Amino acid sequence: MKPDEFLNSIYLGDRACKAVVLDGWNGEVKIQMNLGTPITPNGRQITNHAC
């Protein structure tokens, strides 16, 4: 699988991908995402939160 195909296959929900590290030496892929929008159990967005 090519890197762009792999990235397009990952479901992030309401989050965004900030960085991707392909470490061939150690055979690792690291993906950094934002925290998204916190939502309470009743579906309201929390607007006053620390990231």
PDB file of N, CA and C in Angstrom:
ATOM      1  N   MET A   1       0.843  -1.172   0.000  1.00  0.00           N
ATOM      2  CA  MET A   1       0.000   0.000   0.000  1.00  0.00           C
ATOM      3  C   MET A   1       0.889   1.237   0.000  1.00  0.00           C
ATOM      4  N   LYS A   2       0.573   2.177  -0.849  1.00  0.00           N
ATOM      5  CA  LYS A   2       1.328   3.421  -0.929  1.00  0.00           C
ATOM      6  C   LYS A   2       0.937   4.335   0.232  1.00  0.00           C
ATOM      7  N   PRO A   3       1.854   5.241   0.648  1.00  0.00           N
ATOM      8  CA  PRO A   3       1.556   6.105   1.795  1.00  0.00           C
ATOM      9  C   PRO A   3       0.255   6.892   1.660  1.00  0.00           C
ATOM     10  N   ASP A   4      -0.037   7.447   0.482  1.00  0.00           N
ATOM     11  CA  ASP A   4      -1.262   8.226   0.336  1.00  0.00           C
ATOM     12  C   ASP A   4      -2.507   7.337   0.444  1.00  0.00           C
ATOM     13  N   GLU A   5      -2.431   6.106  -0.030  1.00  0.00           N
ATOM     14  CA  GLU A   5      -3.548   5.166   0.113  1.00  0.00           C
ATOM     15  C   GLU A   5      -3.761   4.811   1.589  1.00  0.00           C
ATOM     16  N   PHE A   6      -2.660   4.611   2.303  1.00  0.00           N
ATOM     17  CA  PHE A   6      -2.736   4.306   3.731  1.00  0.00           C
ATOM     18  C   PHE A   6      -3.387   5.458   4.497  1.00  0.00           C
ATOM     19  N   LEU A   7      -2.943   6.685   4.236  1.00  0.00           N
ATOM     20  CA  LEU A   7      -3.490   7.843   4.950  1.00  0.00           C
ATOM     21  C   LEU A   7      -4.970   8.041   4.657  1.00  0.00           C
ATOM     22  N   ASN A   8      -5.377   7.795   3.429  1.00  0.00           N
ATOM     23  CA  ASN A   8      -6.785   7.940   3.074  1.00  0.00           C
ATOM     24  C   ASN A   8      -7.658   6.842   3.674  1.00  0.00           C
ATOM     25  N   SER A   9      -7.051   5.753   4.146  1.00  0.00           N
ATOM     26  CA  SER A   9      -7.824   4.656   4.727  1.00  0.00           C
ATOM     27  C   SER A   9      -8.061   4.816   6.226  1.00  0.00           C
ATOM     28  N   ILE A  10      -7.471   5.829   6.854  1.00  0.00           N
ATOM     29  CA  ILE A  10      -7.591   6.035   8.302  1.00  0.00           C
ATOM     30  C   ILE A  10      -8.785   6.940   8.594  1.00  0.00           C
ATOM     31  N   TYR A  11      -9.681   6.484   9.469  1.00  0.00           N
ATOM     32  CA  TYR A  11     -10.830   7.287   9.864  1.00  0.00           C
ATOM     33  C   TYR A  11     -10.434   8.143  11.064  1.00  0.00           C
ATOM     34  N   LEU A  12     -10.592   9.463  10.938  1.00  0.00           N
ATOM     35  CA  LEU A  12     -10.222  10.382  12.006  1.00  0.00           C
ATOM     36  C   LEU A  12     -11.426  11.011  12.692  1.00  0.00           C
ATOM     37  N   GLY A  13     -12.622  10.759  12.203  1.00  0.00           N
ATOM     38  CA  GLY A  13     -13.804  11.386  12.794  1.00  0.00           C
ATOM     39  C   GLY A  13     -13.727  12.883  12.618  1.00  0.00           C
ATOM     40  N   ASP A  14     -13.907  13.641  13.708  1.00  0.00           N
ATOM     41  CA  ASP A  14     -13.852  15.106  13.625  1.00  0.00           C
ATOM     42  C   ASP A  14     -12.448  15.640  13.902  1.00  0.00           C
ATOM     43  N   ARG A  15     -11.472  14.783  13.866  1.00  0.00           N
ATOM     44  CA  ARG A  15     -10.095  15.204  14.138  1.00  0.00           C
ATOM     45  C   ARG A  15      -9.342  15.446  12.847  1.00  0.00           C
ATOM     46  N   ALA A  16      -8.207  16.091  12.956  1.00  0.00           N
ATOM     47  CA  ALA A  16      -7.379  16.379  11.785  1.00  0.00           C
ATOM     48  C   ALA A  16      -5.984  15.816  12.009  1.00  0.00           C
ATOM     49  N   CYS A  17      -5.360  15.384  10.946  1.00  0.00           N
ATOM     50  CA  CYS A  17      -4.003  14.862  11.005  1.00  0.00           C
ATOM     51  C   CYS A  17      -3.025  16.027  10.971  1.00  0.00           C
ATOM     52  N   LYS A  18      -2.181  16.150  12.008  1.00  0.00           N
ATOM     53  CA  LYS A  18      -1.202  17.226  12.075  1.00  0.00           C
ATOM     54  C   LYS A  18       0.144  16.802  11.501  1.00  0.00           C
ATOM     55  N   ALA A  19       0.502  15.528  11.669  1.00  0.00           N
ATOM     56  CA  ALA A  19       1.813  15.066  11.210  1.00  0.00           C
ATOM     57  C   ALA A  19       1.813  13.556  11.036  1.00  0.00           C
ATOM     58  N   VAL A  20       2.651  13.106  10.103  1.00  0.00           N
ATOM     59  CA  VAL A  20       2.863  11.672   9.885  1.00  0.00           C
ATOM     60  C   VAL A  20       4.364  11.439   9.809  1.00  0.00           C
ATOM     61  N   VAL A  21       4.851  10.481  10.581  1.00  0.00           N
ATOM     62  CA  VAL A  21       6.273  10.139  10.569  1.00  0.00           C
ATOM     63  C   VAL A  21       6.395   8.688  10.119  1.00  0.00           C
ATOM     64  N   LEU A  22       7.075   8.469   9.014  1.00  0.00           N
ATOM     65  CA  LEU A  22       7.361   7.115   8.534  1.00  0.00           C
ATOM     66  C   LEU A  22       8.808   6.811   8.886  1.00  0.00           C
ATOM     67  N   ASP A  23       9.011   5.937   9.854  1.00  0.00           N
ATOM     68  CA  ASP A  23      10.347   5.603  10.341  1.00  0.00           C
ATOM     69  C   ASP A  23      10.725   4.224   9.804  1.00  0.00           C
ATOM     70  N   GLY A  24      11.393   4.229   8.661  1.00  0.00           N
ATOM     71  CA  GLY A  24      11.783   2.975   8.021  1.00  0.00           C
ATOM     72  C   GLY A  24      12.830   2.202   8.810  1.00  0.00           C
ATOM     73  N   TRP A  25      13.687   2.899   9.520  1.00  0.00           N
ATOM     74  CA  TRP A  25      14.746   2.251  10.297  1.00  0.00           C
ATOM     75  C   TRP A  25      14.157   1.373  11.394  1.00  0.00           C
ATOM     76  N   ASN A  26      13.132   1.899  12.098  1.00  0.00           N
ATOM     77  CA  ASN A  26      12.506   1.155  13.197  1.00  0.00           C
ATOM     78  C   ASN A  26      11.207   0.473  12.783  1.00  0.00           C
ATOM     79  N   GLY A  27      10.797   0.650  11.527  1.00  0.00           N
ATOM     80  CA  GLY A  27       9.560   0.024  11.057  1.00  0.00           C
ATOM     81  C   GLY A  27       8.329   0.562  11.754  1.00  0.00           C
ATOM     82  N   GLU A  28       8.272   1.890  11.970  1.00  0.00           N
ATOM     83  CA  GLU A  28       7.155   2.499  12.684  1.00  0.00           C
ATOM     84  C   GLU A  28       6.487   3.575  11.835  1.00  0.00           C
ATOM     85  N   VAL A  29       5.190   3.739  12.054  1.00  0.00           N
ATOM     86  CA  VAL A  29       4.427   4.853  11.499  1.00  0.00           C
ATOM     87  C   VAL A  29       3.804   5.560  12.686  1.00  0.00           C
ATOM     88  N   LYS A  30       4.039   6.866  12.801  1.00  0.00           N
ATOM     89  CA  LYS A  30       3.473   7.646  13.903  1.00  0.00           C
ATOM     90  C   LYS A  30       2.585   8.725  13.302  1.00  0.00           C
ATOM     91  N   ILE A  31       1.378   8.857  13.853  1.00  0.00           N
ATOM     92  CA  ILE A  31       0.412   9.837  13.365  1.00  0.00           C
ATOM     93  C   ILE A  31       0.025  10.739  14.524  1.00  0.00           C
ATOM     94  N   GLN A  32       0.175  12.054  14.325  1.00  0.00           N
ATOM     95  CA  GLN A  32      -0.207  13.026  15.343  1.00  0.00           C
ATOM     96  C   GLN A  32      -1.504  13.684  14.895  1.00  0.00           C
ATOM     97  N   MET A  33      -2.505  13.694  15.795  1.00  0.00           N
ATOM     98  CA  MET A  33      -3.803  14.288  15.491  1.00  0.00           C
ATOM     99  C   MET A  33      -4.093  15.414  16.472  1.00  0.00           C
ATOM    100  N   ASN A  34      -5.010  16.307  16.055  1.00  0.00           N
ATOM    101  CA  ASN A  34      -5.471  17.314  16.998  1.00  0.00           C
ATOM    102  C   ASN A  34      -6.446  16.647  17.964  1.00  0.00           C
ATOM    103  N   LEU A  35      -6.903  17.370  18.956  1.00  0.00           N
ATOM    104  CA  LEU A  35      -7.777  16.781  19.966  1.00  0.00           C
ATOM    105  C   LEU A  35      -9.237  16.749  19.550  1.00  0.00           C
ATOM    106  N   GLY A  36      -9.591  17.397  18.463  1.00  0.00           N
ATOM    107  CA  GLY A  36     -10.985  17.415  18.040  1.00  0.00           C
ATOM    108  C   GLY A  36     -11.811  18.326  18.922  1.00  0.00           C
ATOM    109  N   THR A  37     -13.099  18.224  18.807  1.00  0.00           N
ATOM    110  CA  THR A  37     -14.014  19.048  19.584  1.00  0.00           C
ATOM    111  C   THR A  37     -14.665  18.183  20.651  1.00  0.00           C
ATOM    112  N   PRO A  38     -14.410  18.484  21.928  1.00  0.00           N
ATOM    113  CA  PRO A  38     -15.044  17.695  22.984  1.00  0.00           C
ATOM    114  C   PRO A  38     -16.560  17.888  22.963  1.00  0.00           C
ATOM    115  N   ILE A  39     -17.289  16.801  23.168  1.00  0.00           N
ATOM    116  CA  ILE A  39     -18.745  16.835  23.169  1.00  0.00           C
ATOM    117  C   ILE A  39     -19.238  16.142  24.432  1.00  0.00           C
ATOM    118  N   THR A  40     -20.237  16.747  25.072  1.00  0.00           N
ATOM    119  CA  THR A  40     -20.822  16.156  26.274  1.00  0.00           C
ATOM    120  C   THR A  40     -21.696  14.973  25.886  1.00  0.00           C
ATOM    121  N   PRO A  41     -22.093  14.130  26.850  1.00  0.00           N
ATOM    122  CA  PRO A  41     -22.941  12.978  26.524  1.00  0.00           C
ATOM    123  C   PRO A  41     -24.267  13.344  25.851  1.00  0.00           C
ATOM    124  N   ASN A  42     -24.768  14.571  26.085  1.00  0.00           N
ATOM    125  CA  ASN A  42     -26.027  14.967  25.453  1.00  0.00           C
ATOM    126  C   ASN A  42     -25.813  15.619  24.085  1.00  0.00           C
ATOM    127  N   GLY A  43     -24.581  15.607  23.565  1.00  0.00           N
ATOM    128  CA  GLY A  43     -24.301  16.087  22.213  1.00  0.00           C
ATOM    129  C   GLY A  43     -23.899  17.540  22.107  1.00  0.00           C
ATOM    130  N   ARG A  44     -23.757  18.244  23.212  1.00  0.00           N
ATOM    131  CA  ARG A  44     -23.335  19.652  23.169  1.00  0.00           C
ATOM    132  C   ARG A  44     -21.824  19.746  23.053  1.00  0.00           C
ATOM    133  N   GLN A  45     -21.372  20.762  22.317  1.00  0.00           N
ATOM    134  CA  GLN A  45     -19.932  21.000  22.221  1.00  0.00           C
ATOM    135  C   GLN A  45     -19.457  21.735  23.466  1.00  0.00           C
ATOM    136  N   ILE A  46     -18.278  21.372  23.943  1.00  0.00           N
ATOM    137  CA  ILE A  46     -17.658  22.067  25.066  1.00  0.00           C
ATOM    138  C   ILE A  46     -16.745  23.123  24.472  1.00  0.00           C
ATOM    139  N   THR A  47     -17.042  24.388  24.730  1.00  0.00           N
ATOM    140  CA  THR A  47     -16.272  25.463  24.097  1.00  0.00           C
ATOM    141  C   THR A  47     -15.178  26.014  24.987  1.00  0.00           C
ATOM    142  N   ASN A  48     -15.208  25.718  26.276  1.00  0.00           N
ATOM    143  CA  ASN A  48     -14.221  26.253  27.201  1.00  0.00           C
ATOM    144  C   ASN A  48     -13.360  25.101  27.731  1.00  0.00           C
ATOM    145  N   HIS A  49     -12.411  24.627  26.907  1.00  0.00           N
ATOM    146  CA  HIS A  49     -11.586  23.492  27.305  1.00  0.00           C
ATOM    147  C   HIS A  49     -10.117  23.794  27.031  1.00  0.00           C
ATOM    148  N   ALA A  50      -9.255  23.107  27.707  1.00  0.00           N
ATOM    149  CA  ALA A  50      -7.810  23.257  27.524  1.00  0.00           C
ATOM    150  C   ALA A  50      -7.320  22.132  26.644  1.00  0.00           C
ATOM    151  N   CYS A  51      -6.470  22.459  25.688  1.00  0.00           N
ATOM    152  CA  CYS A  51      -5.904  21.446  24.798  1.00  0.00           C
ATOM    153  C   CYS A  51      -4.457  21.207  25.141  1.00  0.00           C
TER     154      CYS A  51
END
